[in-house]
Amino acid sequence: MTSPSWSRLRPMRARPADEPHRAVTPLELLFDLCFVVAVAQAAAPLHHSLAGNHVADGLRAYLTIFFCIWWAWMNFTWFASAYDTDDDLYRVTTLVQIAGALVLAAGVAPAFERDDYRVITAGYVVMRLALASQWLRAAKSDPPRRRTAIRYAVGVIGLQGCWLLWLLLPGEWTLGAFLVLALAELAVPIWAELAPGGPTIYHRHHIAERYGLFTLIVLGEAVAAASMAFRSGLDETGRHTPELLSLAVSGLVIVFALWWLYFDQPVRCRFGSLRASTAWGYGHYLIFASAAAVGAGLAAAVDHVTHHADASATLSGFAVAVPVATYLLTLWSLFTCPHQRPRTRWMLPVTVVLALGTPLLPGSVELLAALLAALVLLTGPRR
């Protein structure tokens, strides 16, 4: 199958919302695969911050960087669901966005170590300006939704100038200004979708599949991060082998349970309105960020067992329990709907409370794994 030539570019019109057999494309899979590099780069220094007992600084940098990663990924995902023409220009523009993601990943270490966000901002701006060019192309080819597309392009381009100015601010202003600009980024899609021309068209099954695949990738990154820590611990000494093996098994159970609970939820009721779609799409920031943080927490727990961490046993336990609790609570908030059985609807929030209590007891990671396994067994299949 040959790709279309530059002289025969396809009009970028909205794809049907009920298009049959709509599936994730190889380009989208490549996009996700390259983005997980940025996720890995963000999770690794979080692990070192937790192990070194620099929790506040580590979380601030991690959540800031992860917002940039998630937001760029999310905007591309929804755009592609509406306007994926798969012609040469679309492919090249998407590859530019991927290049921007790799630049962003290269800037993670300076951001964590020296609060130097210049490289991250450069990569982010590249990704976002490439997407803005896609929106301008959609505005030209899709007259019914031209105003919507123009609003997206104007909002994205305008904010990139603000991000560049953000680099010039004094250090004490950067966090507050970041929060303001992040809220402005979140407001752009809502403002654009309310344009007189009408909202963009997206494929519900395609969106659900894209989010599910990225959840898998992030959970896989948690497994990879933890396994590297376990390997290092086992290579270094044999004295801690039983404890490390117990942590390894417990970590796998935790990740398997998180996977099970996510994909056992119905998503068909989540896209009925702009408000519901926005809440579902935005809420996944906490799903993705907490899933990746589980790996960092497990790695910090390994460092505690092998005496390479300044953090206490309680703090190491919270490094795993807090992201797990955040994941569960967000899952419950996003997927609670009439399709859930009343008998099991309360189990997720109760498990959150119990999970946050496990670090106060010996063997907190093992207890957390047992708790999640029990949750999976009690909720049971929904099909």
Protein backbone atom coordinates (compact mmCIF):
# COMPACT_ATOMS: atom_id res chain seq x y z
CA MET A 1 0.00 0.00 0.00
CA THR A 2 1.55 3.30 -1.07
CA SER A 3 1.12 6.55 0.80
CA PRO A 4 -0.56 9.49 -0.96
CA SER A 5 1.67 11.91 -2.83
CA TRP A 6 2.21 15.51 -1.76
CA SER A 7 0.32 16.70 -4.85
CA ARG A 8 -2.80 14.78 -3.79
CA LEU A 9 -3.22 15.71 -0.13
CA ARG A 10 -6.59 14.79 1.27
CA PRO A 11 -9.04 17.41 2.57
CA MET A 12 -8.98 17.36 6.36
CA ARG A 13 -12.70 16.85 6.92
CA ALA A 14 -14.19 15.36 10.06
CA ARG A 15 -14.36 11.58 10.10
CA PRO A 16 -17.76 10.02 10.87
CA ALA A 17 -18.49 9.47 14.54
CA ASP A 18 -20.04 6.08 13.72
CA GLU A 19 -17.31 4.91 11.34
CA PRO A 20 -17.25 1.09 11.49
CA HIS A 21 -14.12 -0.82 12.43
CA ARG A 22 -12.30 2.33 13.59
CA ALA A 23 -9.07 1.21 15.20
CA VAL A 24 -5.82 2.69 16.44
CA THR A 25 -3.37 3.35 13.60
CA PRO A 26 0.32 2.40 13.48
CA LEU A 27 1.20 6.11 13.62
CA GLU A 28 -0.80 6.53 16.83
CA LEU A 29 0.98 3.51 18.32
CA LEU A 30 4.34 5.04 17.41
CA PHE A 31 3.20 8.31 18.98
CA ASP A 32 2.36 6.53 22.24
CA LEU A 33 5.58 4.53 22.21
CA CYS A 34 7.70 7.66 21.91
CA PHE A 35 5.70 9.44 24.59
CA VAL A 36 6.37 6.66 27.06
CA VAL A 37 10.04 7.64 26.85
CA ALA A 38 9.06 10.98 28.36
CA VAL A 39 7.00 9.20 31.01
CA ALA A 40 9.98 7.03 31.93
CA GLN A 41 12.23 10.07 32.17
CA ALA A 42 9.77 11.72 34.56
CA ALA A 43 9.28 8.63 36.75
CA ALA A 44 12.99 7.93 37.26
CA PRO A 45 13.88 11.19 39.09
CA LEU A 46 10.64 10.92 41.08
CA HIS A 47 11.96 7.60 42.41
CA HIS A 48 15.22 9.25 43.48
CA SER A 49 13.37 12.15 45.10
CA LEU A 50 11.19 9.78 47.11
CA ALA A 51 14.15 7.63 48.17
CA GLY A 52 16.13 10.74 49.11
CA ASN A 53 13.26 12.09 51.24
CA HIS A 54 12.76 15.11 48.97
CA VAL A 55 9.06 14.43 48.55
CA ALA A 56 7.68 17.94 48.08
CA ASP A 57 10.23 19.00 45.47
CA GLY A 58 9.99 15.68 43.64
CA LEU A 59 6.19 15.73 43.45
CA ARG A 60 6.10 19.35 42.31
CA ALA A 61 8.51 18.68 39.46
CA TYR A 62 6.88 15.36 38.55
CA LEU A 63 3.32 16.68 38.39
CA THR A 64 4.46 19.73 36.44
CA ILE A 65 6.38 17.72 33.87
CA PHE A 66 3.71 15.05 33.61
CA PHE A 67 1.11 17.70 32.85
CA CYS A 68 3.10 18.76 29.78
CA ILE A 69 3.43 15.14 28.63
CA TRP A 70 -0.21 14.25 29.23
CA TRP A 71 -1.66 17.43 27.76
CA ALA A 72 0.26 17.15 24.50
CA TRP A 73 -0.71 13.47 24.21
CA MET A 74 -4.35 14.14 24.97
CA ASN A 75 -4.75 16.98 22.48
CA PHE A 76 -3.26 14.89 19.69
CA THR A 77 -5.48 11.94 20.61
CA TRP A 78 -8.75 13.83 20.36
CA PHE A 79 -7.66 15.68 17.22
CA ALA A 80 -6.69 12.44 15.51
CA SER A 81 -10.04 10.90 16.37
CA ALA A 82 -11.72 13.73 14.49
CA TYR A 83 -9.36 14.57 11.60
CA ASP A 84 -6.89 11.76 10.93
CA THR A 85 -6.43 11.93 7.14
CA ASP A 86 -3.29 9.73 7.17
CA ASP A 87 -1.78 11.60 4.22
CA ASP A 88 1.84 12.67 3.94
CA LEU A 89 1.42 16.11 5.49
CA TYR A 90 -0.52 14.71 8.43
CA ARG A 91 2.14 12.07 9.01
CA VAL A 92 5.03 14.52 8.85
CA THR A 93 3.30 16.94 11.21
CA THR A 94 2.67 14.11 13.66
CA LEU A 95 6.32 13.05 13.46
CA VAL A 96 7.28 16.63 14.33
CA GLN A 97 5.12 16.32 17.44
CA ILE A 98 6.89 13.09 18.31
CA ALA A 99 10.25 14.84 17.91
CA GLY A 100 9.02 17.53 20.30
CA ALA A 101 8.14 14.82 22.83
CA LEU A 102 11.67 13.45 22.66
CA VAL A 103 13.09 16.95 23.17
CA LEU A 104 10.82 17.29 26.19
CA ALA A 105 12.10 13.97 27.54
CA ALA A 106 15.68 15.21 27.18
CA GLY A 107 14.84 18.19 29.38
CA VAL A 108 13.40 16.22 32.31
CA ALA A 109 16.72 15.80 34.16
CA PRO A 110 17.64 19.53 34.12
CA ALA A 111 14.10 20.35 35.31
CA PHE A 112 14.37 17.99 38.28
CA GLU A 113 17.96 18.81 39.17
CA ARG A 114 18.16 22.57 38.56
CA ASP A 115 14.58 23.76 37.94
CA ASP A 116 15.73 24.45 34.36
CA TYR A 117 12.64 24.13 32.17
CA ARG A 118 14.07 25.61 28.97
CA VAL A 119 14.48 22.30 27.10
CA ILE A 120 11.11 20.98 28.28
CA THR A 121 9.39 24.18 27.21
CA ALA A 122 11.10 24.07 23.81
CA GLY A 123 9.89 20.51 23.21
CA TYR A 124 6.40 21.39 24.42
CA VAL A 125 6.18 24.42 22.13
CA VAL A 126 7.27 22.31 19.15
CA MET A 127 4.53 19.77 19.85
CA ARG A 128 1.84 22.37 20.36
CA LEU A 129 2.69 24.54 17.35
CA ALA A 130 2.65 21.44 15.14
CA LEU A 131 -0.83 20.67 16.45
CA ALA A 132 -1.93 24.28 15.84
CA SER A 133 -0.93 23.88 12.19
CA GLN A 134 -3.17 20.82 12.03
CA TRP A 135 -6.09 22.82 13.42
CA LEU A 136 -5.53 25.56 10.81
CA ARG A 137 -5.60 22.91 8.13
CA ALA A 138 -8.84 21.53 9.55
CA ALA A 139 -10.33 25.04 9.58
CA LYS A 140 -9.65 25.33 5.87
CA SER A 141 -11.11 21.94 4.93
CA ASP A 142 -14.09 21.66 7.33
CA PRO A 143 -16.31 24.77 6.90
CA PRO A 144 -19.07 23.65 9.33
CA ARG A 145 -16.58 23.56 12.20
CA ARG A 146 -14.21 26.29 11.00
CA ARG A 147 -14.79 28.54 14.00
CA THR A 148 -14.13 25.70 16.38
CA ALA A 149 -10.85 24.81 14.68
CA ILE A 150 -9.75 28.45 14.56
CA ARG A 151 -10.41 28.83 18.27
CA TYR A 152 -8.22 25.81 18.95
CA ALA A 153 -5.41 27.20 16.80
CA VAL A 154 -5.61 30.70 18.27
CA GLY A 155 -5.68 29.37 21.84
CA VAL A 156 -2.75 27.02 21.30
CA ILE A 157 -0.57 29.57 19.50
CA GLY A 158 -1.30 32.32 22.01
CA LEU A 159 -0.43 30.15 24.98
CA GLN A 160 2.87 29.06 23.47
CA GLY A 161 3.99 32.67 23.53
CA CYS A 162 2.96 32.82 27.18
CA TRP A 163 5.01 29.68 27.97
CA LEU A 164 8.09 31.26 26.42
CA LEU A 165 7.57 34.38 28.55
CA TRP A 166 7.12 32.11 31.58
CA LEU A 167 10.78 31.13 31.28
CA LEU A 168 11.75 34.75 32.00
CA LEU A 169 9.90 34.96 35.32
CA PRO A 170 11.73 35.00 38.67
CA GLY A 171 11.93 31.63 40.39
CA GLU A 172 9.41 32.48 43.10
CA TRP A 173 6.74 33.26 40.49
CA THR A 174 7.14 30.20 38.29
CA LEU A 175 4.84 27.79 40.14
CA GLY A 176 1.94 30.22 40.40
CA ALA A 177 2.33 31.27 36.79
CA PHE A 178 2.50 27.61 35.74
CA LEU A 179 -0.82 26.89 37.44
CA VAL A 180 -2.43 29.86 35.70
CA LEU A 181 -1.14 28.80 32.28
CA ALA A 182 -2.12 25.17 32.90
CA LEU A 183 -5.68 26.27 33.70
CA ALA A 184 -5.68 28.37 30.54
CA GLU A 185 -4.58 25.30 28.54
CA LEU A 186 -7.43 23.31 30.05
CA ALA A 187 -9.89 26.07 29.17
CA VAL A 188 -8.99 26.23 25.46
CA PRO A 189 -10.83 23.04 24.39
CA ILE A 190 -13.94 24.03 26.34
CA TRP A 191 -13.94 27.50 24.76
CA ALA A 192 -13.34 26.04 21.32
CA GLU A 193 -16.01 23.34 21.57
CA LEU A 194 -18.62 25.98 22.49
CA ALA A 195 -18.04 27.88 19.23
CA PRO A 196 -21.14 28.62 17.10
CA GLY A 197 -19.97 26.17 14.42
CA GLY A 198 -20.50 23.22 16.74
CA PRO A 199 -18.19 20.77 18.50
CA THR A 200 -15.65 18.53 16.83
CA ILE A 201 -16.68 14.99 15.95
CA TYR A 202 -14.87 12.13 17.63
CA HIS A 203 -15.24 8.35 17.60
CA ARG A 204 -16.20 7.06 21.05
CA HIS A 205 -14.76 3.59 20.63
CA HIS A 206 -11.55 5.01 19.17
CA ILE A 207 -11.10 7.43 22.09
CA ALA A 208 -11.75 4.71 24.66
CA GLU A 209 -9.26 2.43 22.92
CA ARG A 210 -6.60 5.16 22.80
CA TYR A 211 -6.95 5.87 26.52
CA GLY A 212 -6.91 2.17 27.31
CA LEU A 213 -3.72 1.62 25.32
CA PHE A 214 -1.95 4.51 27.01
CA THR A 215 -3.03 3.15 30.39
CA LEU A 216 -1.41 -0.15 29.42
CA ILE A 217 1.78 1.63 28.38
CA VAL A 218 1.99 3.58 31.63
CA LEU A 219 1.34 0.47 33.72
CA GLY A 220 4.04 -1.28 31.71
CA GLU A 221 6.40 1.55 32.57
CA ALA A 222 5.61 0.98 36.25
CA VAL A 223 6.57 -2.68 35.87
CA ALA A 224 9.79 -1.77 34.03
CA ALA A 225 10.84 0.81 36.60
CA ALA A 226 10.23 -1.54 39.50
CA SER A 227 11.93 -4.52 37.82
CA MET A 228 15.09 -2.49 37.20
CA ALA A 229 15.21 -1.60 40.88
CA PHE A 230 14.69 -5.23 41.91
CA ARG A 231 17.46 -6.36 39.58
CA SER A 232 19.87 -3.81 41.00
CA GLY A 233 19.08 -4.94 44.51
CA LEU A 234 19.52 -8.61 43.73
CA ASP A 235 22.79 -8.01 41.88
CA GLU A 236 24.25 -6.08 44.76
CA THR A 237 23.64 -8.37 47.68
CA GLY A 238 22.05 -11.68 48.56
CA ARG A 239 21.12 -10.72 52.11
CA HIS A 240 17.88 -9.05 51.08
CA THR A 241 16.73 -11.61 48.54
CA PRO A 242 13.60 -12.78 50.46
CA GLU A 243 12.42 -9.21 51.06
CA LEU A 244 13.07 -8.23 47.45
CA LEU A 245 11.27 -11.27 46.10
CA SER A 246 8.30 -10.46 48.33
CA LEU A 247 8.29 -6.90 47.02
CA ALA A 248 8.58 -8.13 43.43
CA VAL A 249 5.59 -10.44 43.74
CA SER A 250 3.57 -7.80 45.56
CA GLY A 251 4.44 -5.17 42.94
CA LEU A 252 3.25 -7.45 40.16
CA VAL A 253 0.00 -8.15 41.99
CA ILE A 254 -0.56 -4.41 42.44
CA VAL A 255 0.01 -3.63 38.76
CA PHE A 256 -2.11 -6.59 37.63
CA ALA A 257 -4.94 -5.46 39.91
CA LEU A 258 -4.77 -1.88 38.61
CA TRP A 259 -4.99 -3.23 35.06
CA TRP A 260 -7.91 -5.50 35.97
CA LEU A 261 -9.89 -2.77 37.69
CA TYR A 262 -9.45 -0.29 34.84
CA PHE A 263 -10.46 -2.60 32.01
CA ASP A 264 -13.32 -4.12 33.99
CA GLN A 265 -15.16 -0.80 33.92
CA PRO A 266 -17.84 0.19 31.39
CA VAL A 267 -16.97 3.31 29.35
CA ARG A 268 -20.00 3.47 27.09
CA CYS A 269 -21.78 5.95 29.38
CA ARG A 270 -18.92 8.44 29.60
CA PHE A 271 -19.37 10.53 26.44
CA GLY A 272 -22.92 11.82 26.59
CA SER A 273 -22.06 15.54 26.72
CA LEU A 274 -19.19 18.03 26.58
CA ARG A 275 -19.15 18.13 30.37
CA ALA A 276 -18.95 14.33 30.71
CA SER A 277 -16.35 13.98 27.96
CA THR A 278 -14.21 16.74 29.49
CA ALA A 279 -14.38 15.22 32.96
CA TRP A 280 -13.49 11.78 31.60
CA GLY A 281 -10.65 13.06 29.42
CA TYR A 282 -9.16 15.44 31.99
CA GLY A 283 -9.59 12.99 34.87
CA HIS A 284 -7.23 10.57 33.20
CA TYR A 285 -4.36 12.87 34.10
CA LEU A 286 -4.55 11.39 37.59
CA ILE A 287 -4.95 7.85 36.22
CA PHE A 288 -1.83 8.13 34.07
CA ALA A 289 0.29 10.10 36.56
CA SER A 290 -0.54 7.82 39.49
CA ALA A 291 0.06 4.63 37.46
CA ALA A 292 3.53 5.83 36.49
CA ALA A 293 4.20 6.94 40.06
CA VAL A 294 3.47 3.41 41.35
CA GLY A 295 6.67 2.22 39.66
CA ALA A 296 8.66 5.04 41.25
CA GLY A 297 7.17 4.15 44.64
CA LEU A 298 8.05 0.47 44.27
CA ALA A 299 11.60 1.41 43.31
CA ALA A 300 11.82 3.63 46.40
CA ALA A 301 10.59 0.70 48.54
CA VAL A 302 13.39 -1.46 47.10
CA ASP A 303 15.92 1.23 47.98
CA HIS A 304 14.64 1.20 51.56
CA VAL A 305 15.02 -2.58 51.84
CA THR A 306 18.58 -2.44 50.48
CA HIS A 307 19.42 0.55 52.73
CA HIS A 308 19.99 2.93 49.82
CA ALA A 309 17.23 5.34 50.83
CA ASP A 310 17.01 8.13 53.35
CA ALA A 311 13.24 7.71 53.51
CA SER A 312 11.70 5.77 56.39
CA ALA A 313 9.69 2.56 56.02
CA THR A 314 6.49 4.55 56.52
CA LEU A 315 7.37 7.07 53.82
CA SER A 316 8.37 4.27 51.44
CA GLY A 317 5.01 2.67 52.06
CA PHE A 318 3.18 5.90 51.33
CA ALA A 319 5.20 6.24 48.11
CA VAL A 320 3.27 3.22 46.84
CA ALA A 321 -0.02 3.59 48.70
CA VAL A 322 -0.73 7.21 47.74
CA PRO A 323 -0.52 6.74 43.95
CA VAL A 324 -2.53 3.51 44.23
CA ALA A 325 -5.20 5.29 46.27
CA THR A 326 -5.24 8.18 43.79
CA TYR A 327 -5.67 5.73 40.92
CA LEU A 328 -8.55 3.93 42.64
CA LEU A 329 -10.33 7.09 43.71
CA THR A 330 -10.09 8.59 40.23
CA LEU A 331 -11.25 5.33 38.69
CA TRP A 332 -14.26 5.32 40.97
CA SER A 333 -15.07 8.96 40.17
CA LEU A 334 -14.77 8.55 36.42
CA PHE A 335 -16.51 5.22 35.93
CA THR A 336 -19.27 5.26 38.53
CA CYS A 337 -22.47 5.03 36.50
CA PRO A 338 -25.80 3.14 36.48
CA HIS A 339 -24.13 0.10 34.94
CA GLN A 340 -22.26 -0.60 38.17
CA ARG A 341 -23.83 -3.00 40.59
CA PRO A 342 -24.98 -1.26 43.82
CA ARG A 343 -23.45 -4.09 45.86
CA THR A 344 -19.92 -3.27 44.70
CA ARG A 345 -20.16 0.48 44.13
CA TRP A 346 -18.86 1.31 47.61
CA MET A 347 -15.88 -1.04 47.52
CA LEU A 348 -13.44 1.26 45.69
CA PRO A 349 -13.69 4.22 48.13
CA VAL A 350 -13.47 1.87 51.13
CA THR A 351 -10.36 0.29 49.61
CA VAL A 352 -8.84 3.76 49.18
CA VAL A 353 -9.19 4.42 52.91
CA LEU A 354 -7.72 1.03 53.81
CA ALA A 355 -4.86 1.48 51.30
CA LEU A 356 -3.82 4.75 52.92
CA GLY A 357 -3.58 2.94 56.24
CA THR A 358 -1.23 0.19 55.06
CA PRO A 359 2.01 2.24 55.42
CA LEU A 360 1.37 2.40 59.17
CA LEU A 361 1.73 -1.38 59.42
CA PRO A 362 4.67 -3.75 58.78
CA GLY A 363 4.84 -5.19 55.26
CA SER A 364 2.83 -2.33 53.82
CA VAL A 365 3.41 -3.17 50.14
CA GLU A 366 2.46 -6.80 50.70
CA LEU A 367 -0.68 -5.72 52.58
CA LEU A 368 -1.57 -3.35 49.76
CA ALA A 369 -1.21 -6.14 47.20
CA ALA A 370 -3.46 -8.42 49.26
CA LEU A 371 -6.01 -5.63 49.58
CA LEU A 372 -6.14 -5.04 45.83
CA ALA A 373 -6.37 -8.76 45.11
CA ALA A 374 -9.33 -8.97 47.49
CA LEU A 375 -10.94 -6.00 45.75
CA VAL A 376 -10.65 -7.72 42.38
CA LEU A 377 -12.17 -10.91 43.77
CA LEU A 378 -15.04 -9.11 45.52
CA THR A 379 -16.03 -6.89 42.61
CA GLY A 380 -16.02 -9.87 40.25
CA PRO A 381 -16.69 -9.91 36.50
CA ARG A 382 -19.14 -7.35 35.11
CA ARG A 383 -19.93 -9.09 31.86
